[in-house]
Amino acid sequence: MSTKLGARKWIILVMVGLFGQFAWTIENMYFNVFLYNTISTDPDYIAAMVAASAAVATLTTLVMGLVSDRLGRRKLFICGGYLLWGLSTAAFGLITPENAALLFPGANAVAAAAMLVVLMDCVMTFFGSTANDAAFNAYVTDVTDNSNRGRVESVLAILPLISMLLIFGLFDGLTQQGRWKEFFGIFGLMVTGAGLLSCVLIKEERVAKSSGAYFSDLLYGFKPAVIGKNRELYLSFAAFCIFSVAVQVFFPYLIIYIQNYLGITDYAIILGVVLILASVVSVVSGRFIDRLGKLRFAFPAAAVMLLGLGGMYFVRKASGVMIAGTVMMSGYMMMSAALGANIRDWTPKDRAGHFQGIRMVFAVLLPMLIGPAIGAAVIKNSNSTYIELGQVKTVPSPEIYIAAAAVLILSFIPVLLLVRKKTDDRI
């Protein structure tokens, strides 16, 4: 029997999802640019920030997801988390080397400011992961089933693209002008506003409460017996992990690459075209994911993304970036939707919150530890630099796309194992 999603739930899914993606877009793309443009061009700071944020996100989702399972409540964590998430996002506008020098007069101002960015990113991530990764993702699992998850995931999958489109198209000029305080403040208020609206719109769903010793429950998803019992779920996690590592090889450096390697400063139009076309492809693909099967759909989706990554390696002009970027992001969104929906199908209903934490290990922690480090190593070994005001600055190079493609190919292994197991089960 399928779960019918009414207009109210669709509004919640889109609104809460989109405003959460505003904050994640700011974190995933603009904190890097903010750090690079205003504090330091050392890619190790970016890699450290991404890794620290991933660790906090995973631990937070694991702990708070379990808490929401034990309480049988999602609304409290979504509403309260979004309120604080927005405030912490707005606080980034206050971080400058000058302010860092005032706080830590004996320290190197640049290093201190960079570490403040990393620290505040972790604080912001704690609230965001509580609200979005733990509670909202569990809520999505609670209100959907395997008859509509492909469609829901395809809609949720375009929200990051819509978020980027709106930010690039309407607000990127603020960052170009160095008006970071206003930029972070606007989106901080938006996310806080979403928390207030959530208090009105969300009705608490009936969720089966988990029981047992807290510490034992916290480690539940890491137990060998549980992994063996849920082999399909963990193979799905592995596929999403490798796919996400591939994305993180290039994604944190994407805007910096377009600006500083390709020399395209007016990139908002390019990214706008890419995001609109990729969003259309993602929405259309949702119906095919549910009809053809999530695993079968993953192969052509990965092939499209590989084609796009190869194109990004070769193109140098704006028109080429539009074409290759559209192919790359279309494949990315289709694969994300297919693999994400497959994970929800295998997630135990009575531990949906807890398994959001386990999902974060594979979808965020490991990819954000491994991917940016691979990207940073590729960038440093490429010797791509430029000199500004007498300082040598490192620039991301096209090799990051080849490295990403090499990692992406490895995701075929767990997907093939899932297909093989599904075939064996039918015999």
Protein backbone atom coordinates (compact mmCIF):
# COMPACT_ATOMS: atom_id res chain seq x y z
CA MET A 1 0.00 0.00 0.00
CA SER A 2 1.44 3.36 -0.99
CA THR A 3 1.68 6.41 1.24
CA LYS A 4 -0.21 9.38 -0.20
CA LEU A 5 1.55 12.69 0.15
CA GLY A 6 -0.89 15.59 0.42
CA ALA A 7 -0.23 19.23 -0.40
CA ARG A 8 0.77 20.05 3.19
CA LYS A 9 3.52 17.43 3.28
CA TRP A 10 4.81 18.45 -0.14
CA ILE A 11 5.01 22.06 1.06
CA ILE A 12 6.94 20.93 4.14
CA LEU A 13 9.30 18.75 2.11
CA VAL A 14 10.06 21.51 -0.39
CA MET A 15 10.20 24.44 2.05
CA VAL A 16 12.21 22.80 4.81
CA GLY A 17 14.41 21.06 2.26
CA LEU A 18 15.07 24.22 0.21
CA PHE A 19 15.84 26.53 3.12
CA GLY A 20 18.13 23.89 4.55
CA GLN A 21 19.89 23.73 1.21
CA PHE A 22 20.41 27.49 1.32
CA ALA A 23 22.50 26.98 4.45
CA TRP A 24 24.32 23.94 3.06
CA THR A 25 25.10 25.76 -0.20
CA ILE A 26 26.57 28.62 1.81
CA GLU A 27 28.66 26.15 3.77
CA ASN A 28 29.73 23.84 0.96
CA MET A 29 30.55 26.50 -1.64
CA TYR A 30 30.80 29.96 -0.11
CA PHE A 31 32.65 29.29 3.13
CA ASN A 32 35.44 27.99 0.90
CA VAL A 33 35.34 31.11 -1.29
CA PHE A 34 35.07 33.36 1.80
CA LEU A 35 38.11 31.69 3.33
CA TYR A 36 40.06 31.77 0.04
CA ASN A 37 39.24 35.39 -0.88
CA THR A 38 39.40 37.10 2.52
CA ILE A 39 41.76 35.06 4.69
CA SER A 40 44.08 32.50 3.02
CA THR A 41 44.53 30.76 -0.36
CA ASP A 42 46.13 27.67 1.22
CA PRO A 43 43.95 24.70 0.10
CA ASP A 44 44.86 22.82 3.29
CA TYR A 45 42.62 25.18 5.26
CA ILE A 46 39.72 24.33 2.98
CA ALA A 47 40.40 20.60 3.29
CA ALA A 48 40.66 20.92 7.10
CA MET A 49 37.39 22.84 7.30
CA VAL A 50 35.54 20.33 5.15
CA ALA A 51 36.93 17.39 7.14
CA ALA A 52 36.13 18.93 10.55
CA SER A 53 32.62 19.83 9.44
CA ALA A 54 32.05 16.31 8.13
CA ALA A 55 33.15 14.77 11.43
CA VAL A 56 30.81 17.04 13.41
CA ALA A 57 27.95 16.42 10.99
CA THR A 58 28.29 12.66 11.27
CA LEU A 59 28.58 12.52 15.05
CA THR A 60 25.72 14.98 15.49
CA THR A 61 23.41 13.09 13.14
CA LEU A 62 24.25 9.79 14.81
CA VAL A 63 23.56 11.09 18.33
CA MET A 64 20.61 13.38 17.61
CA GLY A 65 19.01 10.91 15.21
CA LEU A 66 19.02 8.33 17.97
CA VAL A 67 17.58 10.84 20.43
CA SER A 68 14.72 11.62 18.03
CA ASP A 69 14.09 7.88 17.61
CA ARG A 70 13.93 7.34 21.36
CA LEU A 71 11.59 10.29 21.85
CA GLY A 72 9.58 9.40 18.76
CA ARG A 73 9.63 13.06 17.70
CA ARG A 74 11.03 14.95 14.70
CA LYS A 75 9.28 18.35 14.83
CA LEU A 76 11.13 19.68 17.89
CA PHE A 77 14.53 19.02 16.34
CA ILE A 78 13.58 20.45 12.95
CA CYS A 79 12.07 23.68 14.31
CA GLY A 80 14.63 24.39 17.06
CA GLY A 81 17.54 23.32 14.89
CA TYR A 82 16.60 25.62 12.01
CA LEU A 83 16.25 28.60 14.36
CA LEU A 84 19.79 28.18 15.71
CA TRP A 85 21.18 27.10 12.35
CA GLY A 86 20.22 30.43 10.84
CA LEU A 87 21.75 32.47 13.67
CA SER A 88 25.06 30.61 13.47
CA THR A 89 25.17 31.11 9.69
CA ALA A 90 24.73 34.86 10.08
CA ALA A 91 27.63 34.97 12.57
CA PHE A 92 30.19 34.23 9.83
CA GLY A 93 30.04 37.81 8.63
CA LEU A 94 31.84 38.86 11.81
CA ILE A 95 34.97 36.78 11.12
CA THR A 96 37.89 38.81 9.74
CA PRO A 97 41.66 38.76 10.33
CA GLU A 98 41.26 42.11 12.08
CA ASN A 99 38.67 40.76 14.52
CA ALA A 100 40.76 37.62 15.03
CA ALA A 101 43.76 39.80 15.90
CA LEU A 102 41.66 41.55 18.56
CA LEU A 103 40.55 38.24 20.05
CA PHE A 104 43.99 36.60 19.89
CA PRO A 105 46.57 39.43 19.95
CA GLY A 106 49.55 37.10 20.28
CA ALA A 107 48.61 34.83 17.40
CA ASN A 108 49.04 35.08 13.63
CA ALA A 109 45.93 36.95 12.52
CA VAL A 110 45.45 34.96 9.31
CA ALA A 111 45.86 31.57 11.00
CA ALA A 112 43.56 32.62 13.85
CA ALA A 113 40.87 33.85 11.46
CA ALA A 114 41.11 30.64 9.42
CA MET A 115 40.69 28.53 12.56
CA LEU A 116 37.72 30.66 13.64
CA VAL A 117 36.08 29.88 10.31
CA VAL A 118 36.69 26.17 10.88
CA LEU A 119 35.32 26.38 14.44
CA MET A 120 32.22 28.33 13.46
CA ASP A 121 31.63 25.93 10.59
CA CYS A 122 31.51 23.12 13.15
CA VAL A 123 29.03 25.04 15.33
CA MET A 124 26.82 25.81 12.35
CA THR A 125 27.07 22.20 11.22
CA PHE A 126 25.94 20.91 14.63
CA PHE A 127 22.66 22.80 14.39
CA GLY A 128 22.22 22.02 10.70
CA SER A 129 22.85 18.32 11.09
CA THR A 130 20.47 18.11 14.04
CA ALA A 131 17.71 19.82 12.10
CA ASN A 132 18.28 18.59 8.57
CA ASP A 133 20.47 15.49 8.43
CA ALA A 134 18.99 13.78 11.50
CA ALA A 135 15.42 15.02 11.99
CA PHE A 136 14.30 16.14 8.53
CA ASN A 137 15.79 13.15 6.71
CA ALA A 138 14.16 10.80 9.22
CA TYR A 139 10.88 12.67 8.71
CA VAL A 140 11.15 12.10 4.94
CA THR A 141 11.67 8.38 5.53
CA ASP A 142 8.71 8.34 7.94
CA VAL A 143 6.22 9.87 5.49
CA THR A 144 7.27 8.05 2.29
CA ASP A 145 7.44 4.45 1.08
CA ASN A 146 9.06 2.56 -1.80
CA SER A 147 6.24 3.50 -4.18
CA ASN A 148 6.99 7.24 -4.11
CA ARG A 149 10.55 7.63 -2.87
CA GLY A 150 12.07 7.91 -6.33
CA ARG A 151 9.76 10.83 -7.09
CA VAL A 152 10.36 12.47 -3.69
CA GLU A 153 14.14 11.99 -3.95
CA SER A 154 14.22 13.45 -7.45
CA VAL A 155 12.48 16.58 -6.12
CA LEU A 156 14.72 16.78 -3.05
CA ALA A 157 17.74 16.23 -5.30
CA ILE A 158 17.07 19.42 -7.27
CA LEU A 159 16.75 21.59 -4.17
CA PRO A 160 20.54 22.04 -3.88
CA LEU A 161 20.56 23.14 -7.52
CA ILE A 162 17.66 25.55 -7.03
CA SER A 163 19.44 26.87 -3.95
CA MET A 164 22.64 27.46 -5.89
CA LEU A 165 20.70 29.02 -8.76
CA LEU A 166 18.95 31.53 -6.51
CA ILE A 167 22.10 32.35 -4.58
CA PHE A 168 24.29 32.72 -7.67
CA GLY A 169 21.65 34.65 -9.60
CA LEU A 170 20.39 37.03 -6.92
CA PHE A 171 23.01 37.30 -4.20
CA ASP A 172 26.43 36.42 -5.60
CA GLY A 173 27.01 40.11 -6.36
CA LEU A 174 27.30 40.71 -2.62
CA THR A 175 30.26 38.32 -2.41
CA GLN A 176 31.85 39.88 -5.50
CA GLN A 177 31.68 43.23 -3.69
CA GLY A 178 33.10 41.74 -0.50
CA ARG A 179 29.86 42.34 1.41
CA TRP A 180 30.06 39.08 3.30
CA LYS A 181 28.30 40.33 6.45
CA GLU A 182 25.14 41.16 4.49
CA PHE A 183 25.40 37.93 2.49
CA PHE A 184 25.60 35.64 5.52
CA GLY A 185 23.03 37.74 7.41
CA ILE A 186 20.38 37.43 4.70
CA PHE A 187 20.56 33.65 4.53
CA GLY A 188 20.85 33.31 8.28
CA LEU A 189 17.52 35.12 8.65
CA MET A 190 15.96 32.97 5.90
CA VAL A 191 16.89 29.72 7.64
CA THR A 192 15.69 31.03 11.00
CA GLY A 193 12.42 32.02 9.32
CA ALA A 194 12.03 28.47 7.99
CA GLY A 195 12.33 27.22 11.56
CA LEU A 196 9.47 29.48 12.64
CA LEU A 197 7.28 28.37 9.71
CA SER A 198 8.04 24.72 10.51
CA CYS A 199 6.55 25.18 13.96
CA VAL A 200 3.23 26.00 12.28
CA LEU A 201 3.24 23.60 9.33
CA ILE A 202 4.69 20.34 10.65
CA LYS A 203 2.40 17.93 12.47
CA GLU A 204 4.17 15.34 14.57
CA GLU A 205 4.04 11.95 12.84
CA ARG A 206 3.52 8.74 14.76
CA VAL A 207 6.97 7.21 14.98
CA ALA A 208 7.83 3.88 16.57
CA LYS A 209 10.09 4.66 19.52
CA SER A 210 13.34 2.71 19.82
CA SER A 211 14.28 1.30 23.21
CA GLY A 212 17.26 -0.26 24.95
CA ALA A 213 20.49 0.99 26.47
CA TYR A 214 21.47 4.34 24.94
CA PHE A 215 25.15 3.56 24.35
CA SER A 216 24.31 0.17 22.88
CA ASP A 217 21.77 1.82 20.60
CA LEU A 218 24.34 4.42 19.58
CA LEU A 219 26.64 1.66 18.33
CA TYR A 220 23.80 -0.45 16.90
CA GLY A 221 24.50 0.31 13.25
CA PHE A 222 28.21 -0.55 13.61
CA LYS A 223 27.64 -4.07 14.96
CA PRO A 224 28.77 -6.87 12.58
CA ALA A 225 25.53 -8.78 13.16
CA VAL A 226 23.46 -5.74 12.18
CA ILE A 227 25.60 -5.14 9.09
CA GLY A 228 25.17 -8.78 8.07
CA LYS A 229 21.43 -8.62 8.63
CA ASN A 230 21.14 -5.47 6.52
CA ARG A 231 23.65 -6.30 3.77
CA GLU A 232 21.69 -4.52 1.06
CA LEU A 233 21.56 -1.32 3.11
CA TYR A 234 25.29 -1.27 3.73
CA LEU A 235 26.13 -2.04 0.11
CA SER A 236 23.86 0.90 -0.77
CA PHE A 237 25.79 3.02 1.74
CA ALA A 238 29.07 1.93 0.14
CA ALA A 239 27.88 2.89 -3.35
CA PHE A 240 26.75 6.31 -2.15
CA CYS A 241 30.03 6.76 -0.27
CA ILE A 242 32.24 6.19 -3.31
CA PHE A 243 29.99 8.37 -5.45
CA SER A 244 30.17 11.15 -2.83
CA VAL A 245 33.97 10.89 -2.57
CA ALA A 246 34.12 11.50 -6.33
CA VAL A 247 31.94 14.61 -5.97
CA GLN A 248 34.02 15.99 -3.09
CA VAL A 249 37.24 15.71 -5.12
CA PHE A 250 36.17 18.68 -7.26
CA PHE A 251 33.09 20.30 -5.70
CA PRO A 252 34.75 22.34 -2.89
CA TYR A 253 37.06 23.91 -5.49
CA LEU A 254 34.50 24.43 -8.29
CA ILE A 255 33.91 28.18 -8.02
CA ILE A 256 37.57 28.85 -7.26
CA TYR A 257 38.51 26.84 -10.40
CA ILE A 258 36.08 28.76 -12.61
CA GLN A 259 37.20 32.12 -11.23
CA ASN A 260 40.95 31.65 -11.01
CA TYR A 261 41.92 28.93 -13.51
CA LEU A 262 39.45 29.61 -16.31
CA GLY A 263 39.39 33.33 -15.59
CA ILE A 264 35.60 33.52 -15.79
CA THR A 265 34.52 36.12 -13.25
CA ASP A 266 30.91 36.44 -14.41
CA TYR A 267 30.08 32.81 -13.68
CA ALA A 268 26.54 33.34 -12.31
CA ILE A 269 24.92 33.08 -15.77
CA ILE A 270 26.90 29.94 -16.61
CA LEU A 271 25.97 28.22 -13.38
CA GLY A 272 22.38 29.41 -13.73
CA VAL A 273 22.01 27.70 -17.10
CA VAL A 274 23.69 24.54 -15.82
CA LEU A 275 21.50 24.34 -12.72
CA ILE A 276 18.22 25.00 -14.52
CA LEU A 277 18.86 22.33 -17.16
CA ALA A 278 20.15 19.79 -14.62
CA SER A 279 17.11 20.44 -12.40
CA VAL A 280 14.75 19.71 -15.30
CA VAL A 281 16.59 16.47 -16.04
CA SER A 282 16.43 15.44 -12.37
CA VAL A 283 12.67 16.01 -12.04
CA VAL A 284 11.92 14.14 -15.26
CA SER A 285 14.16 11.27 -14.20
CA GLY A 286 12.17 10.72 -10.97
CA ARG A 287 9.43 8.81 -12.75
CA PHE A 288 11.94 6.61 -14.55
CA ILE A 289 13.75 5.79 -11.31
CA ASP A 290 10.55 4.36 -9.78
CA ARG A 291 9.58 2.54 -13.00
CA LEU A 292 12.91 1.11 -14.13
CA GLY A 293 14.33 0.43 -10.70
CA LYS A 294 16.84 2.42 -8.71
CA LEU A 295 19.83 0.13 -9.29
CA ARG A 296 19.27 -0.22 -13.03
CA PHE A 297 19.00 3.55 -13.30
CA ALA A 298 22.31 4.11 -11.45
CA PHE A 299 24.45 2.84 -14.35
CA PRO A 300 23.32 5.27 -17.08
CA ALA A 301 23.31 8.08 -14.48
CA ALA A 302 26.95 7.36 -13.62
CA ALA A 303 27.84 7.18 -17.32
CA VAL A 304 26.33 10.64 -17.88
CA MET A 305 28.28 12.05 -14.95
CA LEU A 306 31.52 10.49 -16.23
CA LEU A 307 30.94 12.08 -19.62
CA GLY A 308 30.45 15.46 -17.95
CA LEU A 309 33.59 15.13 -15.81
CA GLY A 310 35.59 14.32 -18.93
CA GLY A 311 34.14 17.37 -20.64
CA MET A 312 35.04 19.64 -17.71
CA TYR A 313 38.66 18.52 -18.01
CA PHE A 314 38.90 19.74 -21.62
CA VAL A 315 36.71 22.86 -21.80
CA ARG A 316 38.16 26.34 -21.28
CA LYS A 317 35.45 28.72 -22.49
CA ALA A 318 32.15 29.70 -20.92
CA SER A 319 30.07 27.92 -23.56
CA GLY A 320 31.99 24.69 -23.03
CA VAL A 321 31.57 24.93 -19.27
CA MET A 322 27.80 25.31 -19.77
CA ILE A 323 27.59 22.15 -21.85
CA ALA A 324 29.98 19.96 -19.86
CA GLY A 325 28.68 21.30 -16.56
CA THR A 326 25.08 20.52 -17.50
CA VAL A 327 25.97 16.94 -18.41
CA MET A 328 28.06 16.50 -15.23
CA MET A 329 25.43 17.94 -12.88
CA SER A 330 22.59 16.05 -14.58
CA GLY A 331 24.41 12.77 -14.02
CA TYR A 332 25.23 13.81 -10.47
CA MET A 333 21.60 14.59 -9.61
CA MET A 334 20.23 11.44 -11.23
CA MET A 335 22.72 9.21 -9.45
CA SER A 336 22.17 10.97 -6.14
CA ALA A 337 18.40 10.46 -6.42
CA ALA A 338 18.66 6.80 -7.43
CA LEU A 339 21.15 5.82 -4.73
CA GLY A 340 19.43 7.95 -2.08
CA ALA A 341 16.03 6.38 -2.76
CA ASN A 342 17.58 2.91 -2.66
CA ILE A 343 19.01 3.65 0.80
CA ARG A 344 15.58 4.72 2.09
CA ASP A 345 14.04 1.49 0.77
CA TRP A 346 16.38 -0.57 2.94
CA THR A 347 16.31 1.65 6.06
CA PRO A 348 14.56 -0.08 9.03
CA LYS A 349 11.40 1.87 9.91
CA ASP A 350 11.89 1.68 13.69
CA ARG A 351 15.41 3.14 13.49
CA ALA A 352 15.08 5.72 10.71
CA GLY A 353 16.68 8.46 12.83
CA HIS A 354 19.62 6.34 13.94
CA PHE A 355 20.40 5.18 10.42
CA GLN A 356 20.56 8.79 9.25
CA GLY A 357 23.71 8.93 11.39
CA ILE A 358 25.09 5.78 9.79
CA ARG A 359 24.23 7.25 6.40
CA MET A 360 26.23 10.34 7.31
CA VAL A 361 29.33 8.23 7.91
CA PHE A 362 29.15 7.04 4.33
CA ALA A 363 27.57 10.06 2.62
CA VAL A 364 29.39 12.87 4.43
CA LEU A 365 32.18 11.93 6.85
CA LEU A 366 34.24 9.60 4.68
CA PRO A 367 33.65 11.53 1.43
CA MET A 368 34.51 14.87 3.01
CA LEU A 369 37.63 13.46 4.63
CA ILE A 370 38.85 11.67 1.53
CA GLY A 371 37.52 13.71 -1.41
CA PRO A 372 38.87 17.21 -0.59
CA ALA A 373 42.20 15.68 0.47
CA ILE A 374 42.48 13.99 -2.94
CA GLY A 375 41.54 17.27 -4.59
CA ALA A 376 44.09 19.25 -2.54
CA ALA A 377 46.84 16.73 -3.38
CA VAL A 378 46.02 16.93 -7.10
CA ILE A 379 46.01 20.73 -6.98
CA LYS A 380 49.35 20.96 -5.18
CA ASN A 381 51.01 18.47 -7.53
CA SER A 382 49.80 20.35 -10.61
CA ASN A 383 51.96 23.40 -9.79
CA SER A 384 49.19 25.69 -11.06
CA THR A 385 49.81 29.07 -9.42
CA TYR A 386 49.62 32.81 -10.00
CA ILE A 387 51.27 35.78 -8.34
CA GLU A 388 49.22 38.55 -6.71
CA LEU A 389 50.83 41.41 -4.77
CA GLY A 390 54.06 39.46 -4.63
CA GLN A 391 52.43 36.33 -3.16
CA VAL A 392 52.31 32.94 -4.92
CA LYS A 393 48.76 31.58 -4.80
CA THR A 394 47.67 28.02 -5.59
CA VAL A 395 44.92 27.49 -8.16
CA PRO A 396 42.74 24.37 -8.70
CA SER A 397 43.58 22.62 -11.99
CA PRO A 398 41.52 20.49 -14.47
CA GLU A 399 43.10 17.28 -13.15
CA ILE A 400 40.59 17.31 -10.27
CA TYR A 401 37.91 16.17 -12.75
CA ILE A 402 39.97 13.21 -13.95
CA ALA A 403 40.63 12.20 -10.34
CA ALA A 404 36.89 12.45 -9.62
CA ALA A 405 36.06 10.28 -12.65
CA ALA A 406 38.54 7.61 -11.52
CA VAL A 407 36.88 7.44 -8.10
CA LEU A 408 33.37 7.42 -9.56
CA ILE A 409 34.10 4.30 -11.62
CA LEU A 410 34.71 2.41 -8.37
CA SER A 411 31.09 2.97 -7.33
CA PHE A 412 30.07 0.36 -9.91
CA ILE A 413 31.45 -2.38 -7.62
CA PRO A 414 28.85 -2.18 -4.79
CA VAL A 415 26.05 -1.47 -7.27
CA LEU A 416 26.94 -4.62 -9.21
CA LEU A 417 27.01 -6.60 -5.95
CA LEU A 418 23.53 -5.30 -5.12
CA VAL A 419 22.23 -6.24 -8.57
CA ARG A 420 23.80 -9.69 -8.26
CA LYS A 421 22.29 -10.25 -4.81
CA LYS A 422 18.89 -9.13 -6.03
CA THR A 423 19.16 -11.58 -8.94
CA ASP A 424 20.27 -14.41 -6.63
CA ASP A 425 17.33 -13.76 -4.29
CA ARG A 426 14.93 -14.27 -7.19
CA ILE A 427 16.36 -17.68 -8.09
